[in-house]
Amino acid sequence: MILSTTPQIEGHTIREYKGVVTGETIIGANFVKDFFAGIRDIVGGRAGSYEKVLAEAKDTSMQEMMQRAQAIGANAIVGIDIDYETIGANGSMLMVATSGTAVVI
């Protein structure tokens, strides 16, 4: 499956638009609480373990979106957007949401 943040894929003609597809992943309260506490403690460094968890959440959300696109007969997704939002009481959870347009090229 070809994935792109652009509205088209260079060298390919979009033959059919299948519709909007999405994927969502939610990371629980302890992660977010620890994440923001860790950020406050880091001076000039990177929080590798948290970056890994965020990357895994994004990858899971993207996989879910691709599965939905395949289920409706698409072989590519264009115009992909990735959003990170805090949700729940006091922002106790982090949601990674992806969306794009499923197409046939």
PDB file of N, CA and C in Angstrom:
ATOM      1  N   MET A   1       0.846  -1.175   0.000  1.00  0.00           N
ATOM      2  CA  MET A   1       0.000   0.000   0.000  1.00  0.00           C
ATOM      3  C   MET A   1       0.888   1.233   0.000  1.00  0.00           C
ATOM      4  N   ILE A   2       0.594   2.148  -0.909  1.00  0.00           N
ATOM      5  CA  ILE A   2       1.339   3.407  -0.983  1.00  0.00           C
ATOM      6  C   ILE A   2       0.655   4.418  -0.070  1.00  0.00           C
ATOM      7  N   LEU A   3       1.444   5.094   0.761  1.00  0.00           N
ATOM      8  CA  LEU A   3       0.935   6.095   1.695  1.00  0.00           C
ATOM      9  C   LEU A   3       1.565   7.434   1.383  1.00  0.00           C
ATOM     10  N   SER A   4       0.742   8.504   1.421  1.00  0.00           N
ATOM     11  CA  SER A   4       1.273   9.824   1.102  1.00  0.00           C
ATOM     12  C   SER A   4       0.506  10.907   1.856  1.00  0.00           C
ATOM     13  N   THR A   5       1.250  11.916   2.292  1.00  0.00           N
ATOM     14  CA  THR A   5       0.594  13.076   2.903  1.00  0.00           C
ATOM     15  C   THR A   5       0.128  14.063   1.842  1.00  0.00           C
ATOM     16  N   THR A   6       0.560  13.866   0.611  1.00  0.00           N
ATOM     17  CA  THR A   6       0.161  14.747  -0.489  1.00  0.00           C
ATOM     18  C   THR A   6      -1.168  14.277  -1.081  1.00  0.00           C
ATOM     19  N   PRO A   7      -1.873  15.154  -1.813  1.00  0.00           N
ATOM     20  CA  PRO A   7      -3.173  14.773  -2.375  1.00  0.00           C
ATOM     21  C   PRO A   7      -3.087  13.856  -3.597  1.00  0.00           C
ATOM     22  N   GLN A   8      -1.906  13.641  -4.105  1.00  0.00           N
ATOM     23  CA  GLN A   8      -1.716  12.731  -5.239  1.00  0.00           C
ATOM     24  C   GLN A   8      -0.342  12.087  -5.119  1.00  0.00           C
ATOM     25  N   ILE A   9      -0.122  11.065  -5.932  1.00  0.00           N
ATOM     26  CA  ILE A   9       1.149  10.352  -5.890  1.00  0.00           C
ATOM     27  C   ILE A   9       1.825  10.532  -7.242  1.00  0.00           C
ATOM     28  N   GLU A  10       2.989  11.155  -7.222  1.00  0.00           N
ATOM     29  CA  GLU A  10       3.703  11.443  -8.460  1.00  0.00           C
ATOM     30  C   GLU A  10       3.909  10.163  -9.277  1.00  0.00           C
ATOM     31  N   GLY A  11       3.601  10.263 -10.561  1.00  0.00           N
ATOM     32  CA  GLY A  11       3.782   9.131 -11.462  1.00  0.00           C
ATOM     33  C   GLY A  11       2.608   8.171 -11.495  1.00  0.00           C
ATOM     34  N   HIS A  12       1.576   8.427 -10.696  1.00  0.00           N
ATOM     35  CA  HIS A  12       0.401   7.558 -10.652  1.00  0.00           C
ATOM     36  C   HIS A  12      -0.864   8.390 -10.858  1.00  0.00           C
ATOM     37  N   THR A  13      -1.812   7.820 -11.561  1.00  0.00           N
ATOM     38  CA  THR A  13      -3.112   8.454 -11.738  1.00  0.00           C
ATOM     39  C   THR A  13      -4.094   7.804 -10.775  1.00  0.00           C
ATOM     40  N   ILE A  14      -4.825   8.625 -10.055  1.00  0.00           N
ATOM     41  CA  ILE A  14      -5.857   8.088  -9.172  1.00  0.00           C
ATOM     42  C   ILE A  14      -7.047   7.710 -10.044  1.00  0.00           C
ATOM     43  N   ARG A  15      -7.377   6.423 -10.037  1.00  0.00           N
ATOM     44  CA  ARG A  15      -8.467   5.916 -10.874  1.00  0.00           C
ATOM     45  C   ARG A  15      -9.803   5.936 -10.151  1.00  0.00           C
ATOM     46  N   GLU A  16      -9.751   5.824  -8.829  1.00  0.00           N
ATOM     47  CA  GLU A  16     -11.006   5.767  -8.072  1.00  0.00           C
ATOM     48  C   GLU A  16     -10.771   6.240  -6.642  1.00  0.00           C
ATOM     49  N   TYR A  17     -11.695   7.046  -6.144  1.00  0.00           N
ATOM     50  CA  TYR A  17     -11.675   7.487  -4.751  1.00  0.00           C
ATOM     51  C   TYR A  17     -12.640   6.601  -3.980  1.00  0.00           C
ATOM     52  N   LYS A  18     -12.151   5.951  -2.938  1.00  0.00           N
ATOM     53  CA  LYS A  18     -12.962   5.030  -2.150  1.00  0.00           C
ATOM     54  C   LYS A  18     -13.583   5.681  -0.924  1.00  0.00           C
ATOM     55  N   GLY A  19     -12.976   6.742  -0.424  1.00  0.00           N
ATOM     56  CA  GLY A  19     -13.521   7.431   0.739  1.00  0.00           C
ATOM     57  C   GLY A  19     -12.483   7.657   1.824  1.00  0.00           C
ATOM     58  N   VAL A  20     -12.915   8.320   2.871  1.00  0.00           N
ATOM     59  CA  VAL A  20     -12.047   8.652   3.995  1.00  0.00           C
ATOM     60  C   VAL A  20     -11.881   7.417   4.882  1.00  0.00           C
ATOM     61  N   VAL A  21     -10.652   7.170   5.305  1.00  0.00           N
ATOM     62  CA  VAL A  21     -10.346   6.089   6.241  1.00  0.00           C
ATOM     63  C   VAL A  21      -9.605   6.682   7.441  1.00  0.00           C
ATOM     64  N   THR A  22      -9.777   6.047   8.593  1.00  0.00           N
ATOM     65  CA  THR A  22      -9.168   6.547   9.819  1.00  0.00           C
ATOM     66  C   THR A  22      -8.555   5.407  10.623  1.00  0.00           C
ATOM     67  N   GLY A  23      -7.716   5.769  11.550  1.00  0.00           N
ATOM     68  CA  GLY A  23      -7.159   4.840  12.526  1.00  0.00           C
ATOM     69  C   GLY A  23      -6.933   5.606  13.814  1.00  0.00           C
ATOM     70  N   GLU A  24      -7.183   4.962  14.943  1.00  0.00           N
ATOM     71  CA  GLU A  24      -7.030   5.625  16.231  1.00  0.00           C
ATOM     72  C   GLU A  24      -6.332   4.692  17.217  1.00  0.00           C
ATOM     73  N   THR A  25      -5.512   5.278  18.066  1.00  0.00           N
ATOM     74  CA  THR A  25      -4.862   4.550  19.150  1.00  0.00           C
ATOM     75  C   THR A  25      -4.879   5.449  20.379  1.00  0.00           C
ATOM     76  N   ILE A  26      -5.219   4.859  21.519  1.00  0.00           N
ATOM     77  CA  ILE A  26      -5.233   5.629  22.763  1.00  0.00           C
ATOM     78  C   ILE A  26      -4.230   5.015  23.738  1.00  0.00           C
ATOM     79  N   ILE A  27      -3.394   5.885  24.302  1.00  0.00           N
ATOM     80  CA  ILE A  27      -2.395   5.478  25.291  1.00  0.00           C
ATOM     81  C   ILE A  27      -2.917   5.907  26.651  1.00  0.00           C
ATOM     82  N   GLY A  28      -2.881   5.006  27.617  1.00  0.00           N
ATOM     83  CA  GLY A  28      -3.485   5.212  28.925  1.00  0.00           C
ATOM     84  C   GLY A  28      -2.869   6.272  29.803  1.00  0.00           C
ATOM     85  N   ALA A  29      -3.535   6.477  30.922  1.00  0.00           N
ATOM     86  CA  ALA A  29      -3.242   7.573  31.848  1.00  0.00           C
ATOM     87  C   ALA A  29      -1.816   7.565  32.379  1.00  0.00           C
ATOM     88  N   ASN A  30      -1.304   6.433  32.784  1.00  0.00           N
ATOM     89  CA  ASN A  30       0.037   6.412  33.371  1.00  0.00           C
ATOM     90  C   ASN A  30       1.079   6.900  32.398  1.00  0.00           C
ATOM     91  N   PHE A  31       0.936   6.536  31.118  1.00  0.00           N
ATOM     92  CA  PHE A  31       1.896   6.991  30.125  1.00  0.00           C
ATOM     93  C   PHE A  31       1.917   8.509  30.049  1.00  0.00           C
ATOM     94  N   VAL A  32       0.745   9.121  29.935  1.00  0.00           N
ATOM     95  CA  VAL A  32       0.686  10.578  29.769  1.00  0.00           C
ATOM     96  C   VAL A  32       1.214  11.282  31.006  1.00  0.00           C
ATOM     97  N   LYS A  33       0.809  10.816  32.183  1.00  0.00           N
ATOM     98  CA  LYS A  33       1.292  11.432  33.423  1.00  0.00           C
ATOM     99  C   LYS A  33       2.815  11.339  33.506  1.00  0.00           C
ATOM    100  N   ASP A  34       3.348  10.144  33.258  1.00  0.00           N
ATOM    101  CA  ASP A  34       4.793   9.953  33.287  1.00  0.00           C
ATOM    102  C   ASP A  34       5.482  10.741  32.184  1.00  0.00           C
ATOM    103  N   PHE A  35       4.835  10.822  31.031  1.00  0.00           N
ATOM    104  CA  PHE A  35       5.409  11.538  29.894  1.00  0.00           C
ATOM    105  C   PHE A  35       5.656  13.003  30.247  1.00  0.00           C
ATOM    106  N   PHE A  36       4.614  13.682  30.759  1.00  0.00           N
ATOM    107  CA  PHE A  36       4.764  15.097  31.064  1.00  0.00           C
ATOM    108  C   PHE A  36       5.699  15.315  32.252  1.00  0.00           C
ATOM    109  N   ALA A  37       5.709  14.409  33.215  1.00  0.00           N
ATOM    110  CA  ALA A  37       6.652  14.512  34.323  1.00  0.00           C
ATOM    111  C   ALA A  37       8.076  14.355  33.802  1.00  0.00           C
ATOM    112  N   GLY A  38       8.252  13.404  32.887  1.00  0.00           N
ATOM    113  CA  GLY A  38       9.574  13.178  32.310  1.00  0.00           C
ATOM    114  C   GLY A  38      10.070  14.363  31.510  1.00  0.00           C
ATOM    115  N   ILE A  39       9.168  14.987  30.770  1.00  0.00           N
ATOM    116  CA  ILE A  39       9.545  16.159  29.960  1.00  0.00           C
ATOM    117  C   ILE A  39      10.055  17.271  30.873  1.00  0.00           C
ATOM    118  N   ARG A  40       9.407  17.454  32.001  1.00  0.00           N
ATOM    119  CA  ARG A  40       9.846  18.511  32.926  1.00  0.00           C
ATOM    120  C   ARG A  40      11.241  18.232  33.463  1.00  0.00           C
ATOM    121  N   ASP A  41      11.583  16.949  33.568  1.00  0.00           N
ATOM    122  CA  ASP A  41      12.872  16.572  34.137  1.00  0.00           C
ATOM    123  C   ASP A  41      14.006  16.556  33.120  1.00  0.00           C
ATOM    124  N   ILE A  42      13.667  16.574  31.861  1.00  0.00           N
ATOM    125  CA  ILE A  42      14.697  16.467  30.823  1.00  0.00           C
ATOM    126  C   ILE A  42      15.196  17.862  30.459  1.00  0.00           C
ATOM    127  N   VAL A  43      16.492  18.018  30.490  1.00  0.00           N
ATOM    128  CA  VAL A  43      17.076  19.301  30.104  1.00  0.00           C
ATOM    129  C   VAL A  43      18.027  19.027  28.952  1.00  0.00           C
ATOM    130  N   GLY A  44      17.628  19.446  27.767  1.00  0.00           N
ATOM    131  CA  GLY A  44      18.485  19.318  26.604  1.00  0.00           C
ATOM    132  C   GLY A  44      18.628  17.906  26.075  1.00  0.00           C
ATOM    133  N   GLY A  45      17.855  16.970  26.572  1.00  0.00           N
ATOM    134  CA  GLY A  45      17.957  15.593  26.095  1.00  0.00           C
ATOM    135  C   GLY A  45      16.651  15.125  25.494  1.00  0.00           C
ATOM    136  N   ARG A  46      16.626  13.863  25.098  1.00  0.00           N
ATOM    137  CA  ARG A  46      15.433  13.275  24.510  1.00  0.00           C
ATOM    138  C   ARG A  46      14.977  12.113  25.374  1.00  0.00           C
ATOM    139  N   ALA A  47      13.673  11.923  25.422  1.00  0.00           N
ATOM    140  CA  ALA A  47      13.091  10.821  26.196  1.00  0.00           C
ATOM    141  C   ALA A  47      12.836   9.665  25.235  1.00  0.00           C
ATOM    142  N   GLY A  48      13.871   8.868  25.010  1.00  0.00           N
ATOM    143  CA  GLY A  48      13.811   7.790  24.022  1.00  0.00           C
ATOM    144  C   GLY A  48      12.702   6.795  24.251  1.00  0.00           C
ATOM    145  N   SER A  49      12.445   6.413  25.516  1.00  0.00           N
ATOM    146  CA  SER A  49      11.399   5.422  25.776  1.00  0.00           C
ATOM    147  C   SER A  49      10.025   5.981  25.423  1.00  0.00           C
ATOM    148  N   TYR A  50       9.809   7.260  25.688  1.00  0.00           N
ATOM    149  CA  TYR A  50       8.527   7.872  25.352  1.00  0.00           C
ATOM    150  C   TYR A  50       8.386   8.050  23.847  1.00  0.00           C
ATOM    151  N   GLU A  51       9.465   8.398  23.187  1.00  0.00           N
ATOM    152  CA  GLU A  51       9.425   8.511  21.728  1.00  0.00           C
ATOM    153  C   GLU A  51       9.066   7.171  21.105  1.00  0.00           C
ATOM    154  N   LYS A  52       9.588   6.101  21.685  1.00  0.00           N
ATOM    155  CA  LYS A  52       9.291   4.767  21.177  1.00  0.00           C
ATOM    156  C   LYS A  52       7.806   4.448  21.327  1.00  0.00           C
ATOM    157  N   VAL A  53       7.225   4.768  22.478  1.00  0.00           N
ATOM    158  CA  VAL A  53       5.801   4.509  22.708  1.00  0.00           C
ATOM    159  C   VAL A  53       4.945   5.341  21.757  1.00  0.00           C
ATOM    160  N   LEU A  54       5.301   6.600  21.558  1.00  0.00           N
ATOM    161  CA  LEU A  54       4.556   7.443  20.625  1.00  0.00           C
ATOM    162  C   LEU A  54       4.658   6.907  19.198  1.00  0.00           C
ATOM    163  N   ALA A  55       5.829   6.462  18.804  1.00  0.00           N
ATOM    164  CA  ALA A  55       6.016   5.895  17.471  1.00  0.00           C
ATOM    165  C   ALA A  55       5.184   4.632  17.291  1.00  0.00           C
ATOM    166  N   GLU A  56       5.146   3.791  18.322  1.00  0.00           N
ATOM    167  CA  GLU A  56       4.335   2.575  18.266  1.00  0.00           C
ATOM    168  C   GLU A  56       2.852   2.912  18.145  1.00  0.00           C
ATOM    169  N   ALA A  57       2.396   3.929  18.869  1.00  0.00           N
ATOM    170  CA  ALA A  57       0.996   4.346  18.793  1.00  0.00           C
ATOM    171  C   ALA A  57       0.674   4.861  17.394  1.00  0.00           C
ATOM    172  N   LYS A  58       1.585   5.634  16.812  1.00  0.00           N
ATOM    173  CA  LYS A  58       1.369   6.134  15.452  1.00  0.00           C
ATOM    174  C   LYS A  58       1.333   4.978  14.469  1.00  0.00           C
ATOM    175  N   ASP A  59       2.268   4.039  14.603  1.00  0.00           N
ATOM    176  CA  ASP A  59       2.310   2.890  13.698  1.00  0.00           C
ATOM    177  C   ASP A  59       1.040   2.049  13.794  1.00  0.00           C
ATOM    178  N   THR A  60       0.543   1.849  15.008  1.00  0.00           N
ATOM    179  CA  THR A  60      -0.693   1.085  15.202  1.00  0.00           C
ATOM    180  C   THR A  60      -1.872   1.788  14.538  1.00  0.00           C
ATOM    181  N   SER A  61      -1.946   3.097  14.704  1.00  0.00           N
ATOM    182  CA  SER A  61      -3.012   3.881  14.087  1.00  0.00           C
ATOM    183  C   SER A  61      -2.930   3.823  12.557  1.00  0.00           C
ATOM    184  N   MET A  62      -1.719   3.899  12.020  1.00  0.00           N
ATOM    185  CA  MET A  62      -1.531   3.814  10.567  1.00  0.00           C
ATOM    186  C   MET A  62      -1.929   2.429  10.049  1.00  0.00           C
ATOM    187  N   GLN A  63      -1.558   1.378  10.774  1.00  0.00           N
ATOM    188  CA  GLN A  63      -1.909   0.011  10.370  1.00  0.00           C
ATOM    189  C   GLN A  63      -3.423  -0.169  10.332  1.00  0.00           C
ATOM    190  N   GLU A  64      -4.102   0.359  11.330  1.00  0.00           N
ATOM    191  CA  GLU A  64      -5.561   0.279  11.380  1.00  0.00           C
ATOM    192  C   GLU A  64      -6.175   0.990  10.176  1.00  0.00           C
ATOM    193  N   MET A  65      -5.645   2.161   9.849  1.00  0.00           N
ATOM    194  CA  MET A  65      -6.140   2.919   8.703  1.00  0.00           C
ATOM    195  C   MET A  65      -5.905   2.141   7.406  1.00  0.00           C
ATOM    196  N   MET A  66      -4.722   1.537   7.262  1.00  0.00           N
ATOM    197  CA  MET A  66      -4.425   0.757   6.050  1.00  0.00           C
ATOM    198  C   MET A  66      -5.348  -0.447   5.923  1.00  0.00           C
ATOM    199  N   GLN A  67      -5.632  -1.119   7.032  1.00  0.00           N
ATOM    200  CA  GLN A  67      -6.538  -2.267   6.996  1.00  0.00           C
ATOM    201  C   GLN A  67      -7.930  -1.846   6.539  1.00  0.00           C
ATOM    202  N   ARG A  68      -8.387  -0.699   7.004  1.00  0.00           N
ATOM    203  CA  ARG A  68      -9.701  -0.197   6.589  1.00  0.00           C
ATOM    204  C   ARG A  68      -9.706   0.152   5.101  1.00  0.00           C
ATOM    205  N   ALA A  69      -8.598   0.705   4.621  1.00  0.00           N
ATOM    206  CA  ALA A  69      -8.504   1.036   3.196  1.00  0.00           C
ATOM    207  C   ALA A  69      -8.511  -0.237   2.346  1.00  0.00           C
ATOM    208  N   GLN A  70      -7.760  -1.236   2.751  1.00  0.00           N
ATOM    209  CA  GLN A  70      -7.725  -2.506   2.021  1.00  0.00           C
ATOM    210  C   GLN A  70      -9.099  -3.163   2.004  1.00  0.00           C
ATOM    211  N   ALA A  71      -9.830  -3.055   3.097  1.00  0.00           N
ATOM    212  CA  ALA A  71     -11.152  -3.673   3.202  1.00  0.00           C
ATOM    213  C   ALA A  71     -12.152  -3.095   2.208  1.00  0.00           C
ATOM    214  N   ILE A  72     -11.913  -1.858   1.772  1.00  0.00           N
ATOM    215  CA  ILE A  72     -12.825  -1.256   0.790  1.00  0.00           C
ATOM    216  C   ILE A  72     -12.220  -1.245  -0.618  1.00  0.00           C
ATOM    217  N   GLY A  73     -11.130  -1.979  -0.800  1.00  0.00           N
ATOM    218  CA  GLY A  73     -10.560  -2.166  -2.127  1.00  0.00           C
ATOM    219  C   GLY A  73      -9.539  -1.144  -2.580  1.00  0.00           C
ATOM    220  N   ALA A  74      -8.990  -0.361  -1.662  1.00  0.00           N
ATOM    221  CA  ALA A  74      -7.986   0.647  -2.015  1.00  0.00           C
ATOM    222  C   ALA A  74      -6.589   0.032  -2.010  1.00  0.00           C
ATOM    223  N   ASN A  75      -5.688   0.633  -2.793  1.00  0.00           N
ATOM    224  CA  ASN A  75      -4.296   0.204  -2.776  1.00  0.00           C
ATOM    225  C   ASN A  75      -3.343   1.356  -2.446  1.00  0.00           C
ATOM    226  N   ALA A  76      -3.924   2.489  -2.037  1.00  0.00           N
ATOM    227  CA  ALA A  76      -3.125   3.651  -1.628  1.00  0.00           C
ATOM    228  C   ALA A  76      -3.991   4.550  -0.753  1.00  0.00           C
ATOM    229  N   ILE A  77      -3.315   5.386   0.034  1.00  0.00           N
ATOM    230  CA  ILE A  77      -4.002   6.404   0.826  1.00  0.00           C
ATOM    231  C   ILE A  77      -3.271   7.720   0.602  1.00  0.00           C
ATOM    232  N   VAL A  78      -4.017   8.751   0.247  1.00  0.00           N
ATOM    233  CA  VAL A  78      -3.429  10.077   0.009  1.00  0.00           C
ATOM    234  C   VAL A  78      -3.982  11.066   1.035  1.00  0.00           C
ATOM    235  N   GLY A  79      -3.288  12.194   1.155  1.00  0.00           N
ATOM    236  CA  GLY A  79      -3.727  13.254   2.055  1.00  0.00           C
ATOM    237  C   GLY A  79      -3.717  12.845   3.517  1.00  0.00           C
ATOM    238  N   ILE A  80      -2.763  12.023   3.919  1.00  0.00           N
ATOM    239  CA  ILE A  80      -2.726  11.521   5.292  1.00  0.00           C
ATOM    240  C   ILE A  80      -2.409  12.647   6.272  1.00  0.00           C
ATOM    241  N   ASP A  81      -3.157  12.642   7.376  1.00  0.00           N
ATOM    242  CA  ASP A  81      -2.954  13.590   8.470  1.00  0.00           C
ATOM    243  C   ASP A  81      -2.798  12.789   9.758  1.00  0.00           C
ATOM    244  N   ILE A  82      -1.856  13.178  10.589  1.00  0.00           N
ATOM    245  CA  ILE A  82      -1.630  12.515  11.875  1.00  0.00           C
ATOM    246  C   ILE A  82      -1.806  13.554  12.970  1.00  0.00           C
ATOM    247  N   ASP A  83      -2.697  13.256  13.919  1.00  0.00           N
ATOM    248  CA  ASP A  83      -2.968  14.174  15.026  1.00  0.00           C
ATOM    249  C   ASP A  83      -2.685  13.495  16.358  1.00  0.00           C
ATOM    250  N   TYR A  84      -2.145  14.271  17.284  1.00  0.00           N
ATOM    251  CA  TYR A  84      -1.911  13.826  18.652  1.00  0.00           C
ATOM    252  C   TYR A  84      -2.749  14.725  19.552  1.00  0.00           C
ATOM    253  N   GLU A  85      -3.628  14.125  20.364  1.00  0.00           N
ATOM    254  CA  GLU A  85      -4.517  14.900  21.233  1.00  0.00           C
ATOM    255  C   GLU A  85      -4.550  14.283  22.623  1.00  0.00           C
ATOM    256  N   THR A  86      -4.660  15.127  23.648  1.00  0.00           N
ATOM    257  CA  THR A  86      -4.912  14.615  24.987  1.00  0.00           C
ATOM    258  C   THR A  86      -6.422  14.570  25.176  1.00  0.00           C
ATOM    259  N   ILE A  87      -6.895  13.503  25.807  1.00  0.00           N
ATOM    260  CA  ILE A  87      -8.327  13.335  26.049  1.00  0.00           C
ATOM    261  C   ILE A  87      -8.523  12.811  27.461  1.00  0.00           C
ATOM    262  N   GLY A  88      -9.772  12.747  27.906  1.00  0.00           N
ATOM    263  CA  GLY A  88     -10.082  12.217  29.233  1.00  0.00           C
ATOM    264  C   GLY A  88      -9.975  13.285  30.303  1.00  0.00           C
ATOM    265  N   ALA A  89     -10.290  12.875  31.510  1.00  0.00           N
ATOM    266  CA  ALA A  89     -10.243  13.786  32.651  1.00  0.00           C
ATOM    267  C   ALA A  89      -8.829  14.334  32.826  1.00  0.00           C
ATOM    268  N   ASN A  90      -8.719  15.638  32.825  1.00  0.00           N
ATOM    269  CA  ASN A  90      -7.422  16.311  33.008  1.00  0.00           C
ATOM    270  C   ASN A  90      -6.392  15.903  31.964  1.00  0.00           C
ATOM    271  N   GLY A  91      -6.837  15.545  30.763  1.00  0.00           N
ATOM    272  CA  GLY A  91      -5.892  15.155  29.721  1.00  0.00           C
ATOM    273  C   GLY A  91      -5.112  13.923  30.086  1.00  0.00           C
ATOM    274  N   SER A  92      -5.776  12.949  30.716  1.00  0.00           N
ATOM    275  CA  SER A  92      -5.087  11.776  31.251  1.00  0.00           C
ATOM    276  C   SER A  92      -4.736  10.720  30.212  1.00  0.00           C
ATOM    277  N   MET A  93      -5.168  10.907  28.973  1.00  0.00           N
ATOM    278  CA  MET A  93      -4.844   9.944  27.922  1.00  0.00           C
ATOM    279  C   MET A  93      -4.374  10.689  26.678  1.00  0.00           C
ATOM    280  N   LEU A  94      -3.614   9.992  25.874  1.00  0.00           N
ATOM    281  CA  LEU A  94      -3.146  10.552  24.614  1.00  0.00           C
ATOM    282  C   LEU A  94      -3.724   9.726  23.484  1.00  0.00           C
ATOM    283  N   MET A  95      -4.337  10.404  22.513  1.00  0.00           N
ATOM    284  CA  MET A  95      -4.889   9.721  21.352  1.00  0.00           C
ATOM    285  C   MET A  95      -4.077  10.101  20.113  1.00  0.00           C
ATOM    286  N   VAL A  96      -3.707   9.098  19.336  1.00  0.00           N
ATOM    287  CA  VAL A  96      -3.078   9.319  18.049  1.00  0.00           C
ATOM    288  C   VAL A  96      -4.115   8.932  17.001  1.00  0.00           C
ATOM    289  N   ALA A  97      -4.505   9.878  16.170  1.00  0.00           N
ATOM    290  CA  ALA A  97      -5.510   9.632  15.140  1.00  0.00           C
ATOM    291  C   ALA A  97      -4.919   9.929  13.761  1.00  0.00           C
ATOM    292  N   THR A  98      -5.128   9.006  12.845  1.00  0.00           N
ATOM    293  CA  THR A  98      -4.684   9.211  11.471  1.00  0.00           C
ATOM    294  C   THR A  98      -5.905   9.197  10.573  1.00  0.00           C
ATOM    295  N   SER A  99      -5.841   9.953   9.483  1.00  0.00           N
ATOM    296  CA  SER A  99      -6.917   9.955   8.497  1.00  0.00           C
ATOM    297  C   SER A  99      -6.340  10.244   7.132  1.00  0.00           C
ATOM    298  N   GLY A 100      -7.040   9.788   6.110  1.00  0.00           N
ATOM    299  CA  GLY A 100      -6.621  10.009   4.746  1.00  0.00           C
ATOM    300  C   GLY A 100      -7.710   9.554   3.796  1.00  0.00           C
ATOM    301  N   THR A 101      -7.466   9.715   2.512  1.00  0.00           N
ATOM    302  CA  THR A 101      -8.422   9.288   1.492  1.00  0.00           C
ATOM    303  C   THR A 101      -7.916   8.015   0.836  1.00  0.00           C
ATOM    304  N   ALA A 102      -8.732   6.977   0.917  1.00  0.00           N
ATOM    305  CA  ALA A 102      -8.396   5.691   0.291  1.00  0.00           C
ATOM    306  C   ALA A 102      -8.677   5.792  -1.206  1.00  0.00           C
ATOM    307  N   VAL A 103      -7.709   5.368  -2.018  1.00  0.00           N
ATOM    308  CA  VAL A 103      -7.840   5.462  -3.468  1.00  0.00           C
ATOM    309  C   VAL A 103      -7.331   4.196  -4.151  1.00  0.00           C
ATOM    310  N   VAL A 104      -7.678   4.082  -5.419  1.00  0.00           N
ATOM    311  CA  VAL A 104      -7.120   3.041  -6.273  1.00  0.00           C
ATOM    312  C   VAL A 104      -6.279   3.742  -7.317  1.00  0.00           C
ATOM    313  N   ILE A 105      -5.020   3.325  -7.439  1.00  0.00           N
ATOM    314  CA  ILE A 105      -4.133   3.922  -8.439  1.00  0.00           C
ATOM    315  C   ILE A 105      -3.807   2.905  -9.501  1.00  0.00           C
TER     316      ILE A 105
END
